Amino acid sequence: MPDSIFSNPRLARVYDPLDPDRSDLDMYLRYIKEFKATTVLDVGCGTGTLISKLTTLGIFTLGVDPAAASIDVAREKVDSDLAEFVVGTTVDVSADPRRQGQFDLATMTANVAQVFLSDDAWMATLEAIKTCLRPGGHLIFEARRPADRGWERWTKEQTHRLVELDSEGPVEEWIQVTKIDGELVSFESPTIFHRDGERIDSTSTLRFRNKEAFEQSLSAAGFIDIEVRDLSYAPGRGWLILARG
């Protein structure tokens, strides 16, 4: 199930205005150009920011996400025949014979790769992506390094902000860790709309796998040429992982 921060319509509409700097996507654009991809599968596409960039480059992109509210925003944002959207999972997409072997490249940006909490869900996703890729197609995604213990910076004191939005007026938000259970880190993200006082509390959990776990799971799913690189926009804090189907 999608986190409420992505599935609530009001939250989905302010997701982009609250986080307008998406320079983290630049590295994906560089690799997509390097690999000369003309068809891309964006797993966990959210509000479609990467897709909007790819369609301007003439690249067909299919965005898949279980959060219908986020897909609604993406469809409003991206007005192009080069974009399609599916409310669902990559497993759903891979079951469609039209999508099998269709894509040159697949992406999982931001925290998408860490929302799959169980080994079964993660493996099913990797296998579905491989099914959707053409032979030799690439998968690119990122993940946070557990050793960085980034969740220790997820406190109200360090993340609190009050932002004035044209569409909503003052909007207040912060992140606060609520539970740590091995590799699983749960946190809450309250959003308060000062215009009318509505408060929406979102809860999320991410899994912080280690480098070896990513390499082993990719290999088990049939990927080859697996590379784990430092995350260029957050050196020392995360990995950029590349693999070939």
C-alpha atoms as a PDB file:
ATOM      1  CA  MET A   1       0.000   0.000   0.000  1.00  0.00           C
ATOM      2  CA  PRO A   2       1.246   3.518  -0.733  1.00  0.00           C
ATOM      3  CA  ASP A   3       2.241   5.805   2.134  1.00  0.00           C
ATOM      4  CA  SER A   4      -0.406   8.381   2.981  1.00  0.00           C
ATOM      5  CA  ILE A   5       1.955  11.221   2.056  1.00  0.00           C
ATOM      6  CA  PHE A   6       1.655  10.032  -1.548  1.00  0.00           C
ATOM      7  CA  SER A   7      -1.932   8.731  -1.568  1.00  0.00           C
ATOM      8  CA  ASN A   8      -3.701  11.669   0.120  1.00  0.00           C
ATOM      9  CA  PRO A   9      -4.890  14.072  -2.633  1.00  0.00           C
ATOM     10  CA  ARG A  10      -4.122  17.254  -0.689  1.00  0.00           C
ATOM     11  CA  LEU A  11      -0.637  16.064   0.221  1.00  0.00           C
ATOM     12  CA  ALA A  12       0.029  14.914  -3.331  1.00  0.00           C
ATOM     13  CA  ARG A  13      -0.791  18.390  -4.644  1.00  0.00           C
ATOM     14  CA  VAL A  14       1.751  20.096  -2.378  1.00  0.00           C
ATOM     15  CA  TYR A  15       4.485  17.467  -2.727  1.00  0.00           C
ATOM     16  CA  ASP A  16       6.264  19.299  -5.573  1.00  0.00           C
ATOM     17  CA  PRO A  17       5.909  22.850  -4.196  1.00  0.00           C
ATOM     18  CA  LEU A  18       7.309  21.697  -0.850  1.00  0.00           C
ATOM     19  CA  ASP A  19      10.315  20.059  -2.523  1.00  0.00           C
ATOM     20  CA  PRO A  20      11.006  22.020  -5.722  1.00  0.00           C
ATOM     21  CA  ASP A  21      14.736  21.210  -5.979  1.00  0.00           C
ATOM     22  CA  ARG A  22      14.953  17.948  -7.928  1.00  0.00           C
ATOM     23  CA  SER A  23      18.572  18.256  -8.962  1.00  0.00           C
ATOM     24  CA  ASP A  24      18.890  14.678  -7.660  1.00  0.00           C
ATOM     25  CA  LEU A  25      17.359  13.604 -10.978  1.00  0.00           C
ATOM     26  CA  ASP A  26      20.218  15.049 -13.024  1.00  0.00           C
ATOM     27  CA  MET A  27      22.338  11.936 -12.632  1.00  0.00           C
ATOM     28  CA  TYR A  28      19.494   9.771 -13.975  1.00  0.00           C
ATOM     29  CA  LEU A  29      19.234  12.003 -17.025  1.00  0.00           C
ATOM     30  CA  ARG A  30      22.976  11.672 -17.599  1.00  0.00           C
ATOM     31  CA  TYR A  31      22.869   7.874 -17.548  1.00  0.00           C
ATOM     32  CA  ILE A  32      19.718   7.697 -19.651  1.00  0.00           C
ATOM     33  CA  LYS A  33      21.499   9.773 -22.296  1.00  0.00           C
ATOM     34  CA  GLU A  34      24.706   7.739 -21.912  1.00  0.00           C
ATOM     35  CA  PHE A  35      22.856   4.456 -22.457  1.00  0.00           C
ATOM     36  CA  LYS A  36      20.885   6.014 -25.341  1.00  0.00           C
ATOM     37  CA  ALA A  37      17.609   4.844 -23.851  1.00  0.00           C
ATOM     38  CA  THR A  38      14.483   5.704 -25.824  1.00  0.00           C
ATOM     39  CA  THR A  39      11.988   3.875 -23.591  1.00  0.00           C
ATOM     40  CA  VAL A  40      12.059   4.148 -19.777  1.00  0.00           C
ATOM     41  CA  LEU A  41      10.098   2.494 -16.982  1.00  0.00           C
ATOM     42  CA  ASP A  42       9.907   4.779 -13.938  1.00  0.00           C
ATOM     43  CA  VAL A  43       9.086   2.601 -10.921  1.00  0.00           C
ATOM     44  CA  GLY A  44       7.484   4.585  -8.099  1.00  0.00           C
ATOM     45  CA  CYS A  45       7.086   7.582 -10.387  1.00  0.00           C
ATOM     46  CA  GLY A  46       5.190   9.665  -7.815  1.00  0.00           C
ATOM     47  CA  THR A  47       4.059  12.997  -9.255  1.00  0.00           C
ATOM     48  CA  GLY A  48       5.938  12.443 -12.519  1.00  0.00           C
ATOM     49  CA  THR A  49       8.802  14.926 -12.242  1.00  0.00           C
ATOM     50  CA  LEU A  50      11.352  12.674 -13.945  1.00  0.00           C
ATOM     51  CA  ILE A  51       8.833  11.742 -16.619  1.00  0.00           C
ATOM     52  CA  SER A  52       8.175  15.391 -17.420  1.00  0.00           C
ATOM     53  CA  LYS A  53      11.900  15.847 -18.029  1.00  0.00           C
ATOM     54  CA  LEU A  54      12.192  12.712 -20.172  1.00  0.00           C
ATOM     55  CA  THR A  55       9.281  13.521 -22.465  1.00  0.00           C
ATOM     56  CA  THR A  56      10.880  16.872 -23.329  1.00  0.00           C
ATOM     57  CA  LEU A  57      13.871  14.834 -24.532  1.00  0.00           C
ATOM     58  CA  GLY A  58      11.650  12.717 -26.762  1.00  0.00           C
ATOM     59  CA  ILE A  59      11.855   9.638 -24.528  1.00  0.00           C
ATOM     60  CA  PHE A  60       8.774   7.465 -24.021  1.00  0.00           C
ATOM     61  CA  THR A  61       8.238   6.765 -20.321  1.00  0.00           C
ATOM     62  CA  LEU A  62       5.788   4.577 -18.440  1.00  0.00           C
ATOM     63  CA  GLY A  63       5.277   5.644 -14.839  1.00  0.00           C
ATOM     64  CA  VAL A  64       3.948   3.142 -12.321  1.00  0.00           C
ATOM     65  CA  ASP A  65       2.938   3.916  -8.745  1.00  0.00           C
ATOM     66  CA  PRO A  66       0.336   2.472  -6.340  1.00  0.00           C
ATOM     67  CA  ALA A  67      -0.663   5.970  -5.135  1.00  0.00           C
ATOM     68  CA  ALA A  68      -3.556   7.118  -7.307  1.00  0.00           C
ATOM     69  CA  ALA A  69      -3.433  10.687  -5.967  1.00  0.00           C
ATOM     70  CA  SER A  70       0.191  11.065  -7.058  1.00  0.00           C
ATOM     71  CA  ILE A  71      -0.614   9.655 -10.493  1.00  0.00           C
ATOM     72  CA  ASP A  72      -3.436  12.179 -10.815  1.00  0.00           C
ATOM     73  CA  VAL A  73      -0.921  14.996 -10.236  1.00  0.00           C
ATOM     74  CA  ALA A  74       1.494  13.412 -12.713  1.00  0.00           C
ATOM     75  CA  ARG A  75      -1.167  13.199 -15.408  1.00  0.00           C
ATOM     76  CA  GLU A  76      -1.964  16.898 -14.949  1.00  0.00           C
ATOM     77  CA  LYS A  77       1.733  17.807 -15.054  1.00  0.00           C
ATOM     78  CA  VAL A  78       2.764  15.734 -18.074  1.00  0.00           C
ATOM     79  CA  ASP A  79       0.756  16.489 -21.210  1.00  0.00           C
ATOM     80  CA  SER A  80       2.525  14.325 -23.749  1.00  0.00           C
ATOM     81  CA  ASP A  81       1.840  11.334 -25.961  1.00  0.00           C
ATOM     82  CA  LEU A  82       5.229  10.044 -24.806  1.00  0.00           C
ATOM     83  CA  ALA A  83       3.987   9.412 -21.251  1.00  0.00           C
ATOM     84  CA  GLU A  84       1.736   6.722 -19.859  1.00  0.00           C
ATOM     85  CA  PHE A  85       0.813   5.999 -16.254  1.00  0.00           C
ATOM     86  CA  VAL A  86      -0.327   2.934 -14.356  1.00  0.00           C
ATOM     87  CA  VAL A  87      -1.800   2.930 -10.865  1.00  0.00           C
ATOM     88  CA  GLY A  88      -0.371  -0.282  -9.475  1.00  0.00           C
ATOM     89  CA  THR A  89       2.919  -2.128  -9.103  1.00  0.00           C
ATOM     90  CA  THR A  90       5.684  -3.233 -11.407  1.00  0.00           C
ATOM     91  CA  VAL A  91       4.437  -6.794 -10.974  1.00  0.00           C
ATOM     92  CA  ASP A  92       1.119  -5.624 -12.472  1.00  0.00           C
ATOM     93  CA  VAL A  93       2.933  -4.013 -15.402  1.00  0.00           C
ATOM     94  CA  SER A  94       5.087  -7.076 -16.081  1.00  0.00           C
ATOM     95  CA  ALA A  95       1.973  -9.268 -16.327  1.00  0.00           C
ATOM     96  CA  ASP A  96       0.941  -7.338 -19.447  1.00  0.00           C
ATOM     97  CA  PRO A  97       2.527  -9.043 -22.489  1.00  0.00           C
ATOM     98  CA  ARG A  98       2.711  -5.656 -24.249  1.00  0.00           C
ATOM     99  CA  ARG A  99       5.144  -4.416 -21.603  1.00  0.00           C
ATOM    100  CA  GLN A 100       7.456  -7.414 -21.530  1.00  0.00           C
ATOM    101  CA  GLY A 101      10.834  -6.636 -23.082  1.00  0.00           C
ATOM    102  CA  GLN A 102       9.666  -3.112 -23.992  1.00  0.00           C
ATOM    103  CA  PHE A 103      12.024  -0.849 -22.051  1.00  0.00           C
ATOM    104  CA  ASP A 104      15.653   0.139 -22.550  1.00  0.00           C
ATOM    105  CA  LEU A 105      16.036   1.296 -18.955  1.00  0.00           C
ATOM    106  CA  ALA A 106      14.223   1.303 -15.597  1.00  0.00           C
ATOM    107  CA  THR A 107      14.635   3.740 -12.719  1.00  0.00           C
ATOM    108  CA  MET A 108      13.821   3.882  -9.014  1.00  0.00           C
ATOM    109  CA  THR A 109      14.616   7.385  -7.788  1.00  0.00           C
ATOM    110  CA  ALA A 110      14.860   8.819  -4.252  1.00  0.00           C
ATOM    111  CA  ASN A 111      13.724   6.290  -1.602  1.00  0.00           C
ATOM    112  CA  VAL A 112      11.707   4.025  -3.901  1.00  0.00           C
ATOM    113  CA  ALA A 113      14.064   1.044  -3.636  1.00  0.00           C
ATOM    114  CA  GLN A 114      13.781   1.141   0.148  1.00  0.00           C
ATOM    115  CA  VAL A 115       9.984   0.993   0.411  1.00  0.00           C
ATOM    116  CA  PHE A 116      10.006  -2.749  -0.342  1.00  0.00           C
ATOM    117  CA  LEU A 117      10.290  -4.073   3.191  1.00  0.00           C
ATOM    118  CA  SER A 118      10.180  -7.844   2.706  1.00  0.00           C
ATOM    119  CA  ASP A 119      12.624  -9.900   0.679  1.00  0.00           C
ATOM    120  CA  ASP A 120       9.715 -11.379  -1.280  1.00  0.00           C
ATOM    121  CA  ALA A 121       8.363  -7.948  -2.289  1.00  0.00           C
ATOM    122  CA  TRP A 122      11.829  -6.727  -3.284  1.00  0.00           C
ATOM    123  CA  MET A 123      12.626  -9.832  -5.343  1.00  0.00           C
ATOM    124  CA  ALA A 124       9.228  -9.761  -7.043  1.00  0.00           C
ATOM    125  CA  THR A 125       9.875  -6.143  -8.029  1.00  0.00           C
ATOM    126  CA  LEU A 126      13.358  -6.859  -9.400  1.00  0.00           C
ATOM    127  CA  GLU A 127      12.095  -9.855 -11.375  1.00  0.00           C
ATOM    128  CA  ALA A 128       9.212  -7.813 -12.764  1.00  0.00           C
ATOM    129  CA  ILE A 129      11.596  -5.037 -13.831  1.00  0.00           C
ATOM    130  CA  LYS A 130      13.827  -7.547 -15.579  1.00  0.00           C
ATOM    131  CA  THR A 131      10.803  -8.940 -17.407  1.00  0.00           C
ATOM    132  CA  CYS A 132       9.950  -5.454 -18.646  1.00  0.00           C
ATOM    133  CA  LEU A 133      13.489  -4.689 -19.829  1.00  0.00           C
ATOM    134  CA  ARG A 134      14.697  -5.634 -23.260  1.00  0.00           C
ATOM    135  CA  PRO A 135      17.721  -7.990 -23.253  1.00  0.00           C
ATOM    136  CA  GLY A 136      20.702  -5.922 -22.139  1.00  0.00           C
ATOM    137  CA  GLY A 137      18.529  -3.123 -20.740  1.00  0.00           C
ATOM    138  CA  HIS A 138      19.656  -1.267 -17.629  1.00  0.00           C
ATOM    139  CA  LEU A 139      18.288  -0.699 -14.140  1.00  0.00           C
ATOM    140  CA  ILE A 140      19.390   2.386 -12.187  1.00  0.00           C
ATOM    141  CA  PHE A 141      18.394   3.183  -8.631  1.00  0.00           C
ATOM    142  CA  GLU A 142      19.709   4.687  -5.418  1.00  0.00           C
ATOM    143  CA  ALA A 143      19.718   3.751  -1.738  1.00  0.00           C
ATOM    144  CA  ARG A 144      20.941   5.266   1.510  1.00  0.00           C
ATOM    145  CA  ARG A 145      23.996   3.790   3.215  1.00  0.00           C
ATOM    146  CA  PRO A 146      23.077   2.229   6.581  1.00  0.00           C
ATOM    147  CA  ALA A 147      26.480   3.213   7.989  1.00  0.00           C
ATOM    148  CA  ASP A 148      25.608   6.886   7.521  1.00  0.00           C
ATOM    149  CA  ARG A 149      22.695   6.472   9.975  1.00  0.00           C
ATOM    150  CA  GLY A 150      20.829   9.214   8.180  1.00  0.00           C
ATOM    151  CA  TRP A 151      17.711   8.555  10.257  1.00  0.00           C
ATOM    152  CA  GLU A 152      19.473  10.158  13.221  1.00  0.00           C
ATOM    153  CA  ARG A 153      18.999  13.472  11.406  1.00  0.00           C
ATOM    154  CA  TRP A 154      15.264  12.862  11.032  1.00  0.00           C
ATOM    155  CA  THR A 155      14.164  14.899  14.023  1.00  0.00           C
ATOM    156  CA  LYS A 156      11.682  17.730  14.344  1.00  0.00           C
ATOM    157  CA  GLU A 157      14.497  20.091  15.331  1.00  0.00           C
ATOM    158  CA  GLN A 158      16.494  19.363  12.165  1.00  0.00           C
ATOM    159  CA  THR A 159      13.690  18.974   9.631  1.00  0.00           C
ATOM    160  CA  HIS A 160      11.003  21.432  10.724  1.00  0.00           C
ATOM    161  CA  ARG A 161       9.990  24.078   8.201  1.00  0.00           C
ATOM    162  CA  LEU A 162       7.152  26.464   7.452  1.00  0.00           C
ATOM    163  CA  VAL A 163       6.693  27.173   3.750  1.00  0.00           C
ATOM    164  CA  GLU A 164       4.421  29.732   2.090  1.00  0.00           C
ATOM    165  CA  LEU A 165       2.737  28.139  -0.932  1.00  0.00           C
ATOM    166  CA  ASP A 166       0.762  30.027  -3.551  1.00  0.00           C
ATOM    167  CA  SER A 167      -1.924  27.365  -3.595  1.00  0.00           C
ATOM    168  CA  GLU A 168      -2.272  26.736   0.139  1.00  0.00           C
ATOM    169  CA  GLY A 169      -0.722  29.550   2.139  1.00  0.00           C
ATOM    170  CA  PRO A 170       1.537  28.584   5.073  1.00  0.00           C
ATOM    171  CA  VAL A 171       2.246  24.841   5.264  1.00  0.00           C
ATOM    172  CA  GLU A 172       4.225  23.377   8.156  1.00  0.00           C
ATOM    173  CA  GLU A 173       5.944  19.981   8.172  1.00  0.00           C
ATOM    174  CA  TRP A 174       8.681  17.919   9.791  1.00  0.00           C
ATOM    175  CA  ILE A 175       9.966  14.349  10.080  1.00  0.00           C
ATOM    176  CA  GLN A 176      10.333  12.367  13.289  1.00  0.00           C
ATOM    177  CA  VAL A 177      11.595   8.794  13.650  1.00  0.00           C
ATOM    178  CA  THR A 178       9.181   6.634  15.625  1.00  0.00           C
ATOM    179  CA  LYS A 179      10.760   3.167  15.584  1.00  0.00           C
ATOM    180  CA  ILE A 180      13.957   1.380  14.584  1.00  0.00           C
ATOM    181  CA  ASP A 181      13.760  -2.386  14.151  1.00  0.00           C
ATOM    182  CA  GLY A 182      16.947  -3.776  12.655  1.00  0.00           C
ATOM    183  CA  GLU A 183      17.083  -2.592   9.035  1.00  0.00           C
ATOM    184  CA  LEU A 184      13.588  -1.070   9.261  1.00  0.00           C
ATOM    185  CA  VAL A 185      13.210   2.602  10.173  1.00  0.00           C
ATOM    186  CA  SER A 186       9.711   4.018  10.696  1.00  0.00           C
ATOM    187  CA  PHE A 187       8.936   7.714  10.849  1.00  0.00           C
ATOM    188  CA  GLU A 188       6.015  10.104  10.885  1.00  0.00           C
ATOM    189  CA  SER A 189       5.621  13.227   8.762  1.00  0.00           C
ATOM    190  CA  PRO A 190       2.925  15.632   9.973  1.00  0.00           C
ATOM    191  CA  THR A 191       1.750  18.273   7.504  1.00  0.00           C
ATOM    192  CA  ILE A 192      -0.264  21.213   8.845  1.00  0.00           C
ATOM    193  CA  PHE A 193      -2.218  23.532   6.540  1.00  0.00           C
ATOM    194  CA  HIS A 194      -2.432  26.789   8.462  1.00  0.00           C
ATOM    195  CA  ARG A 195      -5.062  28.226   6.135  1.00  0.00           C
ATOM    196  CA  ASP A 196      -7.737  25.970   7.606  1.00  0.00           C
ATOM    197  CA  GLY A 197      -5.877  24.135  10.376  1.00  0.00           C
ATOM    198  CA  GLU A 198      -6.028  20.675   8.807  1.00  0.00           C
ATOM    199  CA  ARG A 199      -3.267  18.358  10.019  1.00  0.00           C
ATOM    200  CA  ILE A 200      -2.483  15.197   8.058  1.00  0.00           C
ATOM    201  CA  ASP A 201      -0.206  12.679   9.762  1.00  0.00           C
ATOM    202  CA  SER A 202       1.706  10.373   7.425  1.00  0.00           C
ATOM    203  CA  THR A 203       3.659   7.312   8.488  1.00  0.00           C
ATOM    204  CA  SER A 204       6.333   5.539   6.473  1.00  0.00           C
ATOM    205  CA  THR A 205       8.882   2.746   6.850  1.00  0.00           C
ATOM    206  CA  LEU A 206      12.090   2.278   4.878  1.00  0.00           C
ATOM    207  CA  ARG A 207      14.464  -0.669   4.807  1.00  0.00           C
ATOM    208  CA  PHE A 208      18.188   0.065   4.894  1.00  0.00           C
ATOM    209  CA  ARG A 209      19.775  -2.906   3.107  1.00  0.00           C
ATOM    210  CA  ASN A 210      23.545  -3.195   2.930  1.00  0.00           C
ATOM    211  CA  LYS A 211      25.595  -3.206  -0.254  1.00  0.00           C
ATOM    212  CA  GLU A 212      25.968  -6.996  -0.296  1.00  0.00           C
ATOM    213  CA  ALA A 213      22.219  -7.507   0.008  1.00  0.00           C
ATOM    214  CA  PHE A 214      21.595  -5.332  -3.038  1.00  0.00           C
ATOM    215  CA  GLU A 215      24.270  -7.116  -5.068  1.00  0.00           C
ATOM    216  CA  GLN A 216      23.028 -10.581  -4.096  1.00  0.00           C
ATOM    217  CA  SER A 217      19.381  -9.811  -4.783  1.00  0.00           C
ATOM    218  CA  LEU A 218      20.152  -8.296  -8.178  1.00  0.00           C
ATOM    219  CA  SER A 219      22.236 -11.307  -9.109  1.00  0.00           C
ATOM    220  CA  ALA A 220      19.499 -13.677  -7.941  1.00  0.00           C
ATOM    221  CA  ALA A 221      16.981 -11.798 -10.123  1.00  0.00           C
ATOM    222  CA  GLY A 222      19.210 -12.392 -13.165  1.00  0.00           C
ATOM    223  CA  PHE A 223      20.954  -9.034 -13.467  1.00  0.00           C
ATOM    224  CA  ILE A 224      24.621  -8.815 -14.472  1.00  0.00           C
ATOM    225  CA  ASP A 225      27.331  -6.134 -14.602  1.00  0.00           C
ATOM    226  CA  ILE A 226      26.245  -4.851 -11.196  1.00  0.00           C
ATOM    227  CA  GLU A 227      27.987  -1.664 -10.078  1.00  0.00           C
ATOM    228  CA  VAL A 228      27.626   0.183  -6.779  1.00  0.00           C
ATOM    229  CA  ARG A 229      28.847   3.769  -6.972  1.00  0.00           C
ATOM    230  CA  ASP A 230      28.894   6.702  -4.600  1.00  0.00           C
ATOM    231  CA  LEU A 231      25.815   8.900  -4.813  1.00  0.00           C
ATOM    232  CA  SER A 232      27.035  12.031  -6.581  1.00  0.00           C
ATOM    233  CA  TYR A 233      24.621  14.490  -4.983  1.00  0.00           C
ATOM    234  CA  ALA A 234      25.093  13.045  -1.484  1.00  0.00           C
ATOM    235  CA  PRO A 235      28.624  11.608  -1.343  1.00  0.00           C
ATOM    236  CA  GLY A 236      29.213   9.197   1.504  1.00  0.00           C
ATOM    237  CA  ARG A 237      25.513   9.040   2.321  1.00  0.00           C
ATOM    238  CA  GLY A 238      24.134   6.853  -0.425  1.00  0.00           C
ATOM    239  CA  TRP A 239      24.793   4.572  -3.378  1.00  0.00           C
ATOM    240  CA  LEU A 240      23.882   4.716  -7.026  1.00  0.00           C
ATOM    241  CA  ILE A 241      23.384   1.148  -8.225  1.00  0.00           C
ATOM    242  CA  LEU A 242      23.487   0.097 -11.872  1.00  0.00           C
ATOM    243  CA  ALA A 243      22.799  -3.334 -13.340  1.00  0.00           C
ATOM    244  CA  ARG A 244      22.137  -4.871 -16.748  1.00  0.00           C
ATOM    245  CA  GLY A 245      19.380  -7.296 -17.529  1.00  0.00           C
END
